[in-house]
Structure formats: C-alpha cells, structure tokens
C-alpha cells in the first residue's frame, strides 16, 4: 500500500470511529455521510438541495457536531472509499441509456426524443 492510499485509509478509519457529536452512539461521521448520500442518490436530489438539507440538519445537531458543511465536503470524505460515479444520460422516456453503443447519439432510437433539451 503506497503512502497516499495509507493516508486515505487512516482518514476513513478516523471518520468511521469519530462520533457525529459528543455522546452520539448511533452514528459516526462516516455512517452519517453514507446514509445521507444514499438518500441523495435514491431520491435524485440536486447538490443544491442536498446542501440545503445538510445545513438544516447541521443546525439541528449540537454545536460540536462533525457533519460536513456541504456536498463537496461530504464527497471528500467518501473519496477514500473509491466509490466514484459516472453520469450517464438517459432518454426522457426511459427507453435507453446514452451509454456504450448509444454514447454518441443525439436522439433516442426508440422514441426519437432528443437527448438534450434546447434552451434559449
């Protein structure tokens, strides 16, 4: 294991052991971030929406809480897990994914809908 990987591992271990706030037994910083990010993905929340609710939750918790300030900070914590993602466009009617053999298409071959909405 190289030194960079070891540093990432140590950060993850620290976040896995660190209580969300003093006396919190149910959530570590890491488990909290994983749970919140799971909800963000499951319910297709925008980063802006996620930031808003993260701020509300942070204000609800005791002042000494270790919840990250925003989506970007939460992603930095998870980066060490190696859980990246790739954004893939889909047809507005869910016919296909614009991925692999369909990656270069500008309209859906099934329903003929354009890949992107034109805006002025």
PDB file of N, CA and C in Angstrom:
ATOM      1  N   UNK A   1       0.858  -1.173   0.000  1.00  0.00           N
ATOM      2  CA  UNK A   1       0.000   0.000   0.000  1.00  0.00           C
ATOM      3  C   UNK A   1       0.907   1.240   0.000  1.00  0.00           C
ATOM      4  N   UNK A   2       0.687   2.133  -0.975  1.00  0.00           N
ATOM      5  CA  UNK A   2       1.511   3.347  -1.029  1.00  0.00           C
ATOM      6  C   UNK A   2       1.080   4.332   0.051  1.00  0.00           C
ATOM      7  N   UNK A   3       1.898   5.369   0.247  1.00  0.00           N
ATOM      8  CA  UNK A   3       1.636   6.305   1.349  1.00  0.00           C
ATOM      9  C   UNK A   3       0.327   7.081   1.171  1.00  0.00           C
ATOM     10  N   UNK A   4      -0.044   7.416  -0.085  1.00  0.00           N
ATOM     11  CA  UNK A   4      -1.299   8.131  -0.341  1.00  0.00           C
ATOM     12  C   UNK A   4      -2.501   7.263   0.032  1.00  0.00           C
ATOM     13  N   UNK A   5      -2.470   5.992  -0.350  1.00  0.00           N
ATOM     14  CA  UNK A   5      -3.553   5.067  -0.023  1.00  0.00           C
ATOM     15  C   UNK A   5      -3.652   4.880   1.489  1.00  0.00           C
ATOM     16  N   UNK A   6      -2.494   4.826   2.142  1.00  0.00           N
ATOM     17  CA  UNK A   6      -2.482   4.660   3.598  1.00  0.00           C
ATOM     18  C   UNK A   6      -3.078   5.879   4.287  1.00  0.00           C
ATOM     19  N   UNK A   7      -2.776   7.084   3.792  1.00  0.00           N
ATOM     20  CA  UNK A   7      -3.341   8.312   4.356  1.00  0.00           C
ATOM     21  C   UNK A   7      -4.866   8.318   4.206  1.00  0.00           C
ATOM     22  N   UNK A   8      -5.343   7.912   3.012  1.00  0.00           N
ATOM     23  CA  UNK A   8      -6.797   7.833   2.788  1.00  0.00           C
ATOM     24  C   UNK A   8      -7.440   6.842   3.742  1.00  0.00           C
ATOM     25  N   UNK A   9      -6.778   5.695   3.926  1.00  0.00           N
ATOM     26  CA  UNK A   9      -7.288   4.664   4.835  1.00  0.00           C
ATOM     27  C   UNK A   9      -7.376   5.211   6.265  1.00  0.00           C
ATOM     28  N   UNK A  10      -6.334   5.930   6.695  1.00  0.00           N
ATOM     29  CA  UNK A  10      -6.333   6.497   8.044  1.00  0.00           C
ATOM     30  C   UNK A  10      -7.459   7.521   8.229  1.00  0.00           C
ATOM     31  N   UNK A  11      -7.698   8.342   7.196  1.00  0.00           N
ATOM     32  CA  UNK A  11      -8.784   9.333   7.264  1.00  0.00           C
ATOM     33  C   UNK A  11     -10.137   8.630   7.388  1.00  0.00           C
ATOM     34  N   UNK A  12     -10.332   7.584   6.581  1.00  0.00           N
ATOM     35  CA  UNK A  12     -11.595   6.844   6.644  1.00  0.00           C
ATOM     36  C   UNK A  12     -11.791   6.204   8.006  1.00  0.00           C
ATOM     37  N   UNK A  13     -10.735   5.617   8.514  1.00  0.00           N
ATOM     38  CA  UNK A  13     -10.812   4.973   9.825  1.00  0.00           C
ATOM     39  C   UNK A  13     -11.149   5.996  10.904  1.00  0.00           C
ATOM     40  N   UNK A  14     -10.540   7.174  10.825  1.00  0.00           N
ATOM     41  CA  UNK A  14     -10.816   8.250  11.784  1.00  0.00           C
ATOM     42  C   UNK A  14     -12.290   8.650  11.709  1.00  0.00           C
ATOM     43  N   UNK A  15     -12.815   8.839  10.472  1.00  0.00           N
ATOM     44  CA  UNK A  15     -14.217   9.228  10.302  1.00  0.00           C
ATOM     45  C   UNK A  15     -15.179   8.117  10.702  1.00  0.00           C
ATOM     46  N   UNK A  16     -14.751   6.869  10.556  1.00  0.00           N
ATOM     47  CA  UNK A  16     -15.595   5.741  10.951  1.00  0.00           C
ATOM     48  C   UNK A  16     -15.707   5.636  12.470  1.00  0.00           C
ATOM     49  N   UNK A  17     -14.654   6.058  13.163  1.00  0.00           N
ATOM     50  CA  UNK A  17     -14.644   5.983  14.629  1.00  0.00           C
ATOM     51  C   UNK A  17     -15.171   7.255  15.290  1.00  0.00           C
ATOM     52  N   UNK A  18     -15.117   8.382  14.572  1.00  0.00           N
ATOM     53  CA  UNK A  18     -15.492   9.669  15.166  1.00  0.00           C
ATOM     54  C   UNK A  18     -17.004   9.784  15.309  1.00  0.00           C
ATOM     55  N   UNK A  19     -17.449  10.075  16.521  1.00  0.00           N
ATOM     56  CA  UNK A  19     -18.877  10.292  16.770  1.00  0.00           C
ATOM     57  C   UNK A  19     -19.346  11.523  16.006  1.00  0.00           C
ATOM     58  N   UNK A  20     -20.588  11.501  15.563  1.00  0.00           N
ATOM     59  CA  UNK A  20     -21.159  12.644  14.853  1.00  0.00           C
ATOM     60  C   UNK A  20     -21.146  13.884  15.740  1.00  0.00           C
ATOM     61  N   UNK A  21     -21.416  13.681  17.013  1.00  0.00           N
ATOM     62  CA  UNK A  21     -21.306  14.722  18.039  1.00  0.00           C
ATOM     63  C   UNK A  21     -21.003  14.002  19.346  1.00  0.00           C
ATOM     64  N   UNK A  22     -20.432  14.687  20.321  1.00  0.00           N
ATOM     65  CA  UNK A  22     -20.087  14.024  21.582  1.00  0.00           C
ATOM     66  C   UNK A  22     -21.292  13.313  22.206  1.00  0.00           C
ATOM     67  N   UNK A  23     -21.117  12.034  22.480  1.00  0.00           N
ATOM     68  CA  UNK A  23     -22.175  11.235  23.097  1.00  0.00           C
ATOM     69  C   UNK A  23     -23.076  10.518  22.101  1.00  0.00           C
ATOM     70  N   UNK A  24     -22.912  10.773  20.810  1.00  0.00           N
ATOM     71  CA  UNK A  24     -23.739  10.104  19.793  1.00  0.00           C
ATOM     72  C   UNK A  24     -23.244   8.671  19.615  1.00  0.00           C
ATOM     73  N   UNK A  25     -24.102   7.721  19.903  1.00  0.00           N
ATOM     74  CA  UNK A  25     -23.709   6.312  19.827  1.00  0.00           C
ATOM     75  C   UNK A  25     -24.168   5.646  18.531  1.00  0.00           C
ATOM     76  N   UNK A  26     -25.158   6.218  17.862  1.00  0.00           N
ATOM     77  CA  UNK A  26     -25.746   5.553  16.697  1.00  0.00           C
ATOM     78  C   UNK A  26     -25.087   5.884  15.364  1.00  0.00           C
ATOM     79  N   UNK A  27     -24.419   7.029  15.279  1.00  0.00           N
ATOM     80  CA  UNK A  27     -23.852   7.458  14.003  1.00  0.00           C
ATOM     81  C   UNK A  27     -22.442   7.987  14.162  1.00  0.00           C
ATOM     82  N   UNK A  28     -21.567   7.473  13.307  1.00  0.00           N
ATOM     83  CA  UNK A  28     -20.241   8.069  13.177  1.00  0.00           C
ATOM     84  C   UNK A  28     -20.338   9.092  12.050  1.00  0.00           C
ATOM     85  N   UNK A  29     -19.286   9.871  11.866  1.00  0.00           N
ATOM     86  CA  UNK A  29     -19.270  10.826  10.763  1.00  0.00           C
ATOM     87  C   UNK A  29     -19.438  10.070   9.441  1.00  0.00           C
ATOM     88  N   UNK A  30     -18.706   8.970   9.286  1.00  0.00           N
ATOM     89  CA  UNK A  30     -18.749   8.202   8.034  1.00  0.00           C
ATOM     90  C   UNK A  30     -20.123   7.597   7.778  1.00  0.00           C
ATOM     91  N   UNK A  31     -20.722   6.962   8.778  1.00  0.00           N
ATOM     92  CA  UNK A  31     -22.035   6.341   8.554  1.00  0.00           C
ATOM     93  C   UNK A  31     -23.095   7.394   8.234  1.00  0.00           C
ATOM     94  N   UNK A  32     -22.986   8.555   8.865  1.00  0.00           N
ATOM     95  CA  UNK A  32     -23.938   9.637   8.585  1.00  0.00           C
ATOM     96  C   UNK A  32     -23.827  10.090   7.139  1.00  0.00           C
ATOM     97  N   UNK A  33     -22.607  10.314   6.682  1.00  0.00           N
ATOM     98  CA  UNK A  33     -22.400  10.764   5.304  1.00  0.00           C
ATOM     99  C   UNK A  33     -22.883   9.715   4.312  1.00  0.00           C
ATOM    100  N   UNK A  34     -22.582   8.457   4.580  1.00  0.00           N
ATOM    101  CA  UNK A  34     -23.024   7.377   3.682  1.00  0.00           C
ATOM    102  C   UNK A  34     -24.554   7.339   3.609  1.00  0.00           C
ATOM    103  N   UNK A  35     -25.221   7.426   4.763  1.00  0.00           N
ATOM    104  CA  UNK A  35     -26.692   7.405   4.788  1.00  0.00           C
ATOM    105  C   UNK A  35     -27.278   8.588   4.013  1.00  0.00           C
ATOM    106  N   UNK A  36     -26.742   9.787   4.253  1.00  0.00           N
ATOM    107  CA  UNK A  36     -27.262  10.978   3.579  1.00  0.00           C
ATOM    108  C   UNK A  36     -27.000  10.935   2.073  1.00  0.00           C
ATOM    109  N   UNK A  37     -25.829  10.489   1.676  1.00  0.00           N
ATOM    110  CA  UNK A  37     -25.514  10.398   0.246  1.00  0.00           C
ATOM    111  C   UNK A  37     -26.388   9.339  -0.434  1.00  0.00           C
ATOM    112  N   UNK A  38     -26.688   8.273   0.287  1.00  0.00           N
ATOM    113  CA  UNK A  38     -27.582   7.247  -0.261  1.00  0.00           C
ATOM    114  C   UNK A  38     -28.956   7.854  -0.550  1.00  0.00           C
ATOM    115  N   UNK A  39     -29.471   8.639   0.380  1.00  0.00           N
ATOM    116  CA  UNK A  39     -30.757   9.306   0.178  1.00  0.00           C
ATOM    117  C   UNK A  39     -30.703  10.299  -0.973  1.00  0.00           C
ATOM    118  N   UNK A  40     -29.589  11.011  -1.102  1.00  0.00           N
ATOM    119  CA  UNK A  40     -29.426  11.976  -2.192  1.00  0.00           C
ATOM    120  C   UNK A  40     -29.558  11.278  -3.532  1.00  0.00           C
ATOM    121  N   UNK A  41     -28.887  10.148  -3.657  1.00  0.00           N
ATOM    122  CA  UNK A  41     -28.912   9.395  -4.917  1.00  0.00           C
ATOM    123  C   UNK A  41     -30.279   8.745  -5.133  1.00  0.00           C
ATOM    124  N   UNK A  42     -30.799   8.107  -4.101  1.00  0.00           N
ATOM    125  CA  UNK A  42     -32.081   7.396  -4.209  1.00  0.00           C
ATOM    126  C   UNK A  42     -33.220   8.315  -4.632  1.00  0.00           C
ATOM    127  N   UNK A  43     -33.223   9.542  -4.089  1.00  0.00           N
ATOM    128  CA  UNK A  43     -34.316  10.464  -4.371  1.00  0.00           C
ATOM    129  C   UNK A  43     -33.933  11.565  -5.356  1.00  0.00           C
ATOM    130  N   UNK A  44     -32.787  11.387  -5.999  1.00  0.00           N
ATOM    131  CA  UNK A  44     -32.311  12.277  -7.071  1.00  0.00           C
ATOM    132  C   UNK A  44     -32.290  13.747  -6.648  1.00  0.00           C
ATOM    133  N   UNK A  45     -31.726  13.999  -5.478  1.00  0.00           N
ATOM    134  CA  UNK A  45     -31.616  15.369  -5.001  1.00  0.00           C
ATOM    135  C   UNK A  45     -30.464  16.078  -5.703  1.00  0.00           C
ATOM    136  N   UNK A  46     -30.677  17.314  -6.045  1.00  0.00           N
ATOM    137  CA  UNK A  46     -29.592  18.106  -6.621  1.00  0.00           C
ATOM    138  C   UNK A  46     -28.582  18.416  -5.517  1.00  0.00           C
ATOM    139  N   UNK A  47     -27.382  18.806  -5.907  1.00  0.00           N
ATOM    140  CA  UNK A  47     -26.371  19.185  -4.922  1.00  0.00           C
ATOM    141  C   UNK A  47     -26.849  20.380  -4.102  1.00  0.00           C
ATOM    142  N   UNK A  48     -27.537  21.302  -4.748  1.00  0.00           N
ATOM    143  CA  UNK A  48     -28.057  22.490  -4.072  1.00  0.00           C
ATOM    144  C   UNK A  48     -29.086  22.100  -3.003  1.00  0.00           C
ATOM    145  N   UNK A  49     -29.975  21.184  -3.351  1.00  0.00           N
ATOM    146  CA  UNK A  49     -30.985  20.697  -2.412  1.00  0.00           C
ATOM    147  C   UNK A  49     -30.312  19.950  -1.252  1.00  0.00           C
ATOM    148  N   UNK A  50     -29.347  19.121  -1.585  1.00  0.00           N
ATOM    149  CA  UNK A  50     -28.604  18.368  -0.571  1.00  0.00           C
ATOM    150  C   UNK A  50     -27.912  19.327   0.392  1.00  0.00           C
ATOM    151  N   UNK A  51     -27.264  20.365  -0.148  1.00  0.00           N
ATOM    152  CA  UNK A  51     -26.588  21.362   0.680  1.00  0.00           C
ATOM    153  C   UNK A  51     -27.572  22.040   1.639  1.00  0.00           C
ATOM    154  N   UNK A  52     -28.757  22.341   1.126  1.00  0.00           N
ATOM    155  CA  UNK A  52     -29.771  22.988   1.963  1.00  0.00           C
ATOM    156  C   UNK A  52     -30.134  22.096   3.155  1.00  0.00           C
ATOM    157  N   UNK A  53     -30.501  20.841   2.869  1.00  0.00           N
ATOM    158  CA  UNK A  53     -30.923  19.944   3.949  1.00  0.00           C
ATOM    159  C   UNK A  53     -29.765  19.598   4.881  1.00  0.00           C
ATOM    160  N   UNK A  54     -28.567  19.493   4.336  1.00  0.00           N
ATOM    161  CA  UNK A  54     -27.396  19.249   5.177  1.00  0.00           C
ATOM    162  C   UNK A  54     -27.209  20.400   6.160  1.00  0.00           C
ATOM    163  N   UNK A  55     -27.397  21.635   5.689  1.00  0.00           N
ATOM    164  CA  UNK A  55     -27.303  22.801   6.557  1.00  0.00           C
ATOM    165  C   UNK A  55     -28.368  22.802   7.639  1.00  0.00           C
ATOM    166  N   UNK A  56     -29.582  22.416   7.279  1.00  0.00           N
ATOM    167  CA  UNK A  56     -30.671  22.354   8.263  1.00  0.00           C
ATOM    168  C   UNK A  56     -30.351  21.305   9.328  1.00  0.00           C
ATOM    169  N   UNK A  57     -29.925  20.128   8.887  1.00  0.00           N
ATOM    170  CA  UNK A  57     -29.603  19.049   9.833  1.00  0.00           C
ATOM    171  C   UNK A  57     -28.446  19.471  10.729  1.00  0.00           C
ATOM    172  N   UNK A  58     -27.433  20.092  10.144  1.00  0.00           N
ATOM    173  CA  UNK A  58     -26.271  20.541  10.923  1.00  0.00           C
ATOM    174  C   UNK A  58     -26.695  21.516  12.024  1.00  0.00           C
ATOM    175  N   UNK A  59     -27.635  22.406  11.711  1.00  0.00           N
ATOM    176  CA  UNK A  59     -28.120  23.361  12.718  1.00  0.00           C
ATOM    177  C   UNK A  59     -28.983  22.683  13.786  1.00  0.00           C
ATOM    178  N   UNK A  60     -29.613  21.551  13.446  1.00  0.00           N
ATOM    179  CA  UNK A  60     -30.428  20.814  14.416  1.00  0.00           C
ATOM    180  C   UNK A  60     -29.570  20.071  15.440  1.00  0.00           C
ATOM    181  N   UNK A  61     -28.391  19.679  15.015  1.00  0.00           N
ATOM    182  CA  UNK A  61     -27.499  18.900  15.873  1.00  0.00           C
ATOM    183  C   UNK A  61     -26.806  19.813  16.882  1.00  0.00           C
ATOM    184  N   UNK A  62     -26.262  19.234  17.936  1.00  0.00           N
ATOM    185  CA  UNK A  62     -25.488  20.046  18.883  1.00  0.00           C
ATOM    186  C   UNK A  62     -24.349  20.786  18.163  1.00  0.00           C
ATOM    187  N   UNK A  63     -23.956  21.911  18.690  1.00  0.00           N
ATOM    188  CA  UNK A  63     -22.937  22.765  18.057  1.00  0.00           C
ATOM    189  C   UNK A  63     -21.623  22.031  17.788  1.00  0.00           C
ATOM    190  N   UNK A  64     -21.267  21.059  18.612  1.00  0.00           N
ATOM    191  CA  UNK A  64     -19.997  20.344  18.469  1.00  0.00           C
ATOM    192  C   UNK A  64     -20.045  19.238  17.419  1.00  0.00           C
ATOM    193  N   UNK A  65     -21.051  19.230  16.544  1.00  0.00           N
ATOM    194  CA  UNK A  65     -21.187  18.141  15.579  1.00  0.00           C
ATOM    195  C   UNK A  65     -20.101  18.233  14.503  1.00  0.00           C
ATOM    196  N   UNK A  66     -19.835  17.099  13.872  1.00  0.00           N
ATOM    197  CA  UNK A  66     -18.789  16.992  12.855  1.00  0.00           C
ATOM    198  C   UNK A  66     -19.369  16.767  11.459  1.00  0.00           C
ATOM    199  N   UNK A  67     -20.643  17.069  11.280  1.00  0.00           N
ATOM    200  CA  UNK A  67     -21.274  16.904   9.972  1.00  0.00           C
ATOM    201  C   UNK A  67     -20.643  17.886   8.985  1.00  0.00           C
ATOM    202  N   UNK A  68     -20.306  17.426   7.783  1.00  0.00           N
ATOM    203  CA  UNK A  68     -19.711  18.336   6.800  1.00  0.00           C
ATOM    204  C   UNK A  68     -20.662  19.474   6.455  1.00  0.00           C
ATOM    205  N   UNK A  69     -20.092  20.565   5.969  1.00  0.00           N
ATOM    206  CA  UNK A  69     -20.854  21.773   5.644  1.00  0.00           C
ATOM    207  C   UNK A  69     -21.686  21.630   4.374  1.00  0.00           C
ATOM    208  N   UNK A  70     -21.156  20.880   3.397  1.00  0.00           N
ATOM    209  CA  UNK A  70     -21.817  20.822   2.087  1.00  0.00           C
ATOM    210  C   UNK A  70     -21.483  19.519   1.364  1.00  0.00           C
ATOM    211  N   UNK A  71     -22.110  19.354   0.202  1.00  0.00           N
ATOM    212  CA  UNK A  71     -21.945  18.147  -0.607  1.00  0.00           C
ATOM    213  C   UNK A  71     -20.488  17.903  -0.966  1.00  0.00           C
ATOM    214  N   UNK A  72     -19.800  18.965  -1.341  1.00  0.00           N
ATOM    215  CA  UNK A  72     -18.396  18.836  -1.754  1.00  0.00           C
ATOM    216  C   UNK A  72     -17.540  18.279  -0.605  1.00  0.00           C
ATOM    217  N   UNK A  73     -17.763  18.775   0.592  1.00  0.00           N
ATOM    218  CA  UNK A  73     -17.018  18.291   1.761  1.00  0.00           C
ATOM    219  C   UNK A  73     -17.368  16.835   2.079  1.00  0.00           C
ATOM    220  N   UNK A  74     -18.627  16.476   1.913  1.00  0.00           N
ATOM    221  CA  UNK A  74     -19.047  15.086   2.152  1.00  0.00           C
ATOM    222  C   UNK A  74     -18.413  14.153   1.128  1.00  0.00           C
ATOM    223  N   UNK A  75     -18.337  14.600  -0.120  1.00  0.00           N
ATOM    224  CA  UNK A  75     -17.718  13.780  -1.160  1.00  0.00           C
ATOM    225  C   UNK A  75     -16.241  13.545  -0.872  1.00  0.00           C
ATOM    226  N   UNK A  76     -15.573  14.542  -0.324  1.00  0.00           N
ATOM    227  CA  UNK A  76     -14.154  14.399   0.006  1.00  0.00           C
ATOM    228  C   UNK A  76     -13.946  13.283   1.021  1.00  0.00           C
ATOM    229  N   UNK A  77     -14.863  13.174   1.975  1.00  0.00           N
ATOM    230  CA  UNK A  77     -14.761  12.108   2.978  1.00  0.00           C
ATOM    231  C   UNK A  77     -14.925  10.750   2.308  1.00  0.00           C
ATOM    232  N   UNK A  78     -15.873  10.650   1.379  1.00  0.00           N
ATOM    233  CA  UNK A  78     -16.147   9.368   0.723  1.00  0.00           C
ATOM    234  C   UNK A  78     -15.137   9.013  -0.362  1.00  0.00           C
ATOM    235  N   UNK A  79     -14.391   9.979  -0.824  1.00  0.00           N
ATOM    236  CA  UNK A  79     -13.436   9.752  -1.914  1.00  0.00           C
ATOM    237  C   UNK A  79     -12.487   8.597  -1.602  1.00  0.00           C
ATOM    238  N   UNK A  80     -12.088   8.501  -0.357  1.00  0.00           N
ATOM    239  CA  UNK A  80     -11.171   7.440   0.052  1.00  0.00           C
ATOM    240  C   UNK A  80     -11.743   6.038  -0.059  1.00  0.00           C
ATOM    241  N   UNK A  81     -13.069   5.934  -0.158  1.00  0.00           N
ATOM    242  CA  UNK A  81     -13.693   4.616  -0.307  1.00  0.00           C
ATOM    243  C   UNK A  81     -13.569   4.080  -1.730  1.00  0.00           C
ATOM    244  N   UNK A  82     -13.217   4.959  -2.661  1.00  0.00           N
ATOM    245  CA  UNK A  82     -13.112   4.540  -4.063  1.00  0.00           C
ATOM    246  C   UNK A  82     -14.472   4.384  -4.724  1.00  0.00           C
ATOM    247  N   UNK A  83     -15.476   5.057  -4.192  1.00  0.00           N
ATOM    248  CA  UNK A  83     -16.818   4.972  -4.751  1.00  0.00           C
ATOM    249  C   UNK A  83     -17.073   6.147  -5.678  1.00  0.00           C
ATOM    250  N   UNK A  84     -16.526   6.085  -6.854  1.00  0.00           N
ATOM    251  CA  UNK A  84     -16.763   7.135  -7.826  1.00  0.00           C
ATOM    252  C   UNK A  84     -18.091   6.902  -8.538  1.00  0.00           C
ATOM    253  N   UNK A  85     -18.408   7.787  -9.438  1.00  0.00           N
ATOM    254  CA  UNK A  85     -19.610   7.596 -10.225  1.00  0.00           C
ATOM    255  C   UNK A  85     -19.406   8.213 -11.590  1.00  0.00           C
ATOM    256  N   UNK A  86     -20.197   7.755 -12.523  1.00  0.00           N
ATOM    257  CA  UNK A  86     -20.159   8.284 -13.874  1.00  0.00           C
ATOM    258  C   UNK A  86     -21.571   8.717 -14.228  1.00  0.00           C
ATOM    259  N   UNK A  87     -21.718   9.953 -14.687  1.00  0.00           N
ATOM    260  CA  UNK A  87     -23.024  10.453 -15.083  1.00  0.00           C
ATOM    261  C   UNK A  87     -23.348   9.902 -16.468  1.00  0.00           C
ATOM    262  N   UNK A  88     -24.515   9.293 -16.608  1.00  0.00           N
ATOM    263  CA  UNK A  88     -24.946   8.724 -17.886  1.00  0.00           C
ATOM    264  C   UNK A  88     -26.304   9.308 -18.225  1.00  0.00           C
ATOM    265  N   UNK A  89     -26.420   9.897 -19.394  1.00  0.00           N
ATOM    266  CA  UNK A  89     -27.697  10.453 -19.833  1.00  0.00           C
ATOM    267  C   UNK A  89     -28.663   9.314 -20.160  1.00  0.00           C
ATOM    268  N   UNK A  90     -29.946   9.581 -19.966  1.00  0.00           N
ATOM    269  CA  UNK A  90     -30.969   8.611 -20.349  1.00  0.00           C
ATOM    270  C   UNK A  90     -32.027   9.327 -21.173  1.00  0.00           C
ATOM    271  N   UNK A  91     -32.778   8.565 -21.909  1.00  0.00           N
ATOM    272  CA  UNK A  91     -33.882   9.115 -22.695  1.00  0.00           C
ATOM    273  C   UNK A  91     -34.928   9.679 -21.727  1.00  0.00           C
ATOM    274  N   UNK A  92     -35.579  10.771 -22.113  1.00  0.00           N
ATOM    275  CA  UNK A  92     -36.608  11.367 -21.241  1.00  0.00           C
ATOM    276  C   UNK A  92     -37.749  10.392 -20.974  1.00  0.00           C
ATOM    277  N   UNK A  93     -37.940   9.428 -21.858  1.00  0.00           N
ATOM    278  CA  UNK A  93     -38.989   8.415 -21.681  1.00  0.00           C
ATOM    279  C   UNK A  93     -38.437   7.101 -21.129  1.00  0.00           C
ATOM    280  N   UNK A  94     -37.183   7.131 -20.700  1.00  0.00           N
ATOM    281  CA  UNK A  94     -36.511   5.949 -20.127  1.00  0.00           C
ATOM    282  C   UNK A  94     -36.405   4.773 -21.084  1.00  0.00           C
ATOM    283  N   UNK A  95     -36.327   5.046 -22.372  1.00  0.00           N
ATOM    284  CA  UNK A  95     -36.193   3.965 -23.364  1.00  0.00           C
ATOM    285  C   UNK A  95     -34.778   3.371 -23.351  1.00  0.00           C
ATOM    286  N   UNK A  96     -33.787   4.244 -23.321  1.00  0.00           N
ATOM    287  CA  UNK A  96     -32.398   3.791 -23.396  1.00  0.00           C
ATOM    288  C   UNK A  96     -31.504   4.655 -22.516  1.00  0.00           C
ATOM    289  N   UNK A  97     -30.286   4.161 -22.326  1.00  0.00           N
ATOM    290  CA  UNK A  97     -29.221   4.963 -21.744  1.00  0.00           C
ATOM    291  C   UNK A  97     -28.294   5.368 -22.881  1.00  0.00           C
ATOM    292  N   UNK A  98     -27.843   6.592 -22.866  1.00  0.00           N
ATOM    293  CA  UNK A  98     -26.874   7.048 -23.857  1.00  0.00           C
ATOM    294  C   UNK A  98     -25.495   6.630 -23.346  1.00  0.00           C
ATOM    295  N   UNK A  99     -25.205   5.360 -23.507  1.00  0.00           N
ATOM    296  CA  UNK A  99     -24.030   4.722 -22.931  1.00  0.00           C
ATOM    297  C   UNK A  99     -23.546   3.650 -23.892  1.00  0.00           C
ATOM    298  N   UNK A 100     -22.279   3.322 -23.837  1.00  0.00           N
ATOM    299  CA  UNK A 100     -21.654   2.331 -24.707  1.00  0.00           C
ATOM    300  C   UNK A 100     -21.996   2.596 -26.160  1.00  0.00           C
ATOM    301  N   UNK A 101     -22.726   1.691 -26.819  1.00  0.00           N
ATOM    302  CA  UNK A 101     -23.010   1.847 -28.256  1.00  0.00           C
ATOM    303  C   UNK A 101     -23.907   3.043 -28.568  1.00  0.00           C
ATOM    304  N   UNK A 102     -24.624   3.546 -27.568  1.00  0.00           N
ATOM    305  CA  UNK A 102     -25.516   4.700 -27.769  1.00  0.00           C
ATOM    306  C   UNK A 102     -24.896   6.024 -27.319  1.00  0.00           C
ATOM    307  N   UNK A 103     -23.650   5.992 -26.899  1.00  0.00           N
ATOM    308  CA  UNK A 103     -22.987   7.158 -26.309  1.00  0.00           C
ATOM    309  C   UNK A 103     -22.967   8.385 -27.224  1.00  0.00           C
ATOM    310  N   UNK A 104     -22.825   8.182 -28.518  1.00  0.00           N
ATOM    311  CA  UNK A 104     -22.680   9.312 -29.444  1.00  0.00           C
ATOM    312  C   UNK A 104     -24.012   9.791 -30.045  1.00  0.00           C
ATOM    313  N   UNK A 105     -25.113   9.136 -29.706  1.00  0.00           N
ATOM    314  CA  UNK A 105     -26.414   9.510 -30.277  1.00  0.00           C
ATOM    315  C   UNK A 105     -26.930  10.832 -29.714  1.00  0.00           C
ATOM    316  N   UNK A 106     -27.637  11.579 -30.544  1.00  0.00           N
ATOM    317  CA  UNK A 106     -28.247  12.841 -30.110  1.00  0.00           C
ATOM    318  C   UNK A 106     -29.756  12.736 -29.943  1.00  0.00           C
ATOM    319  N   UNK A 107     -30.324  11.588 -30.338  1.00  0.00           N
ATOM    320  CA  UNK A 107     -31.753  11.352 -30.117  1.00  0.00           C
ATOM    321  C   UNK A 107     -31.967   9.868 -29.861  1.00  0.00           C
ATOM    322  N   UNK A 108     -33.057   9.559 -29.208  1.00  0.00           N
ATOM    323  CA  UNK A 108     -33.375   8.180 -28.840  1.00  0.00           C
ATOM    324  C   UNK A 108     -33.770   7.385 -30.082  1.00  0.00           C
ATOM    325  N   UNK A 109     -33.173   6.229 -30.323  1.00  0.00           N
ATOM    326  CA  UNK A 109     -33.536   5.422 -31.480  1.00  0.00           C
ATOM    327  C   UNK A 109     -34.908   4.743 -31.340  1.00  0.00           C
ATOM    328  N   UNK A 110     -35.456   4.715 -30.142  1.00  0.00           N
ATOM    329  CA  UNK A 110     -36.747   4.073 -29.899  1.00  0.00           C
ATOM    330  C   UNK A 110     -37.903   5.057 -30.091  1.00  0.00           C
ATOM    331  N   UNK A 111     -37.831   6.207 -29.408  1.00  0.00           N
ATOM    332  CA  UNK A 111     -38.958   7.150 -29.447  1.00  0.00           C
ATOM    333  C   UNK A 111     -38.639   8.457 -30.190  1.00  0.00           C
ATOM    334  N   UNK A 112     -37.416   8.597 -30.626  1.00  0.00           N
ATOM    335  CA  UNK A 112     -36.988   9.760 -31.418  1.00  0.00           C
ATOM    336  C   UNK A 112     -36.881  11.073 -30.626  1.00  0.00           C
ATOM    337  N   UNK A 113     -36.983  11.023 -29.304  1.00  0.00           N
ATOM    338  CA  UNK A 113     -36.852  12.220 -28.480  1.00  0.00           C
ATOM    339  C   UNK A 113     -35.392  12.671 -28.487  1.00  0.00           C
ATOM    340  N   UNK A 114     -35.160  13.992 -28.478  1.00  0.00           N
ATOM    341  CA  UNK A 114     -33.778  14.479 -28.447  1.00  0.00           C
ATOM    342  C   UNK A 114     -33.115  14.185 -27.096  1.00  0.00           C
ATOM    343  N   UNK A 115     -31.821  13.989 -27.148  1.00  0.00           N
ATOM    344  CA  UNK A 115     -31.046  13.704 -25.941  1.00  0.00           C
ATOM    345  C   UNK A 115     -31.038  14.887 -24.979  1.00  0.00           C
ATOM    346  N   UNK A 116     -30.909  16.089 -25.528  1.00  0.00           N
ATOM    347  CA  UNK A 116     -30.831  17.293 -24.699  1.00  0.00           C
ATOM    348  C   UNK A 116     -31.998  18.210 -25.001  1.00  0.00           C
ATOM    349  N   UNK A 117     -32.429  18.966 -24.003  1.00  0.00           N
ATOM    350  CA  UNK A 117     -33.448  19.993 -24.205  1.00  0.00           C
ATOM    351  C   UNK A 117     -32.755  21.221 -24.729  1.00  0.00           C
ATOM    352  N   UNK A 118     -33.315  21.825 -25.736  1.00  0.00           N
ATOM    353  CA  UNK A 118     -32.766  23.071 -26.256  1.00  0.00           C
ATOM    354  C   UNK A 118     -33.312  24.222 -25.429  1.00  0.00           C
ATOM    355  N   UNK A 119     -32.428  25.086 -24.990  1.00  0.00           N
ATOM    356  CA  UNK A 119     -32.858  26.255 -24.217  1.00  0.00           C
ATOM    357  C   UNK A 119     -32.320  27.508 -24.911  1.00  0.00           C
ATOM    358  N   UNK A 120     -33.002  28.603 -24.703  1.00  0.00           N
ATOM    359  CA  UNK A 120     -32.562  29.833 -25.349  1.00  0.00           C
ATOM    360  C   UNK A 120     -31.477  30.515 -24.526  1.00  0.00           C
TER     361      UNK A 120
END
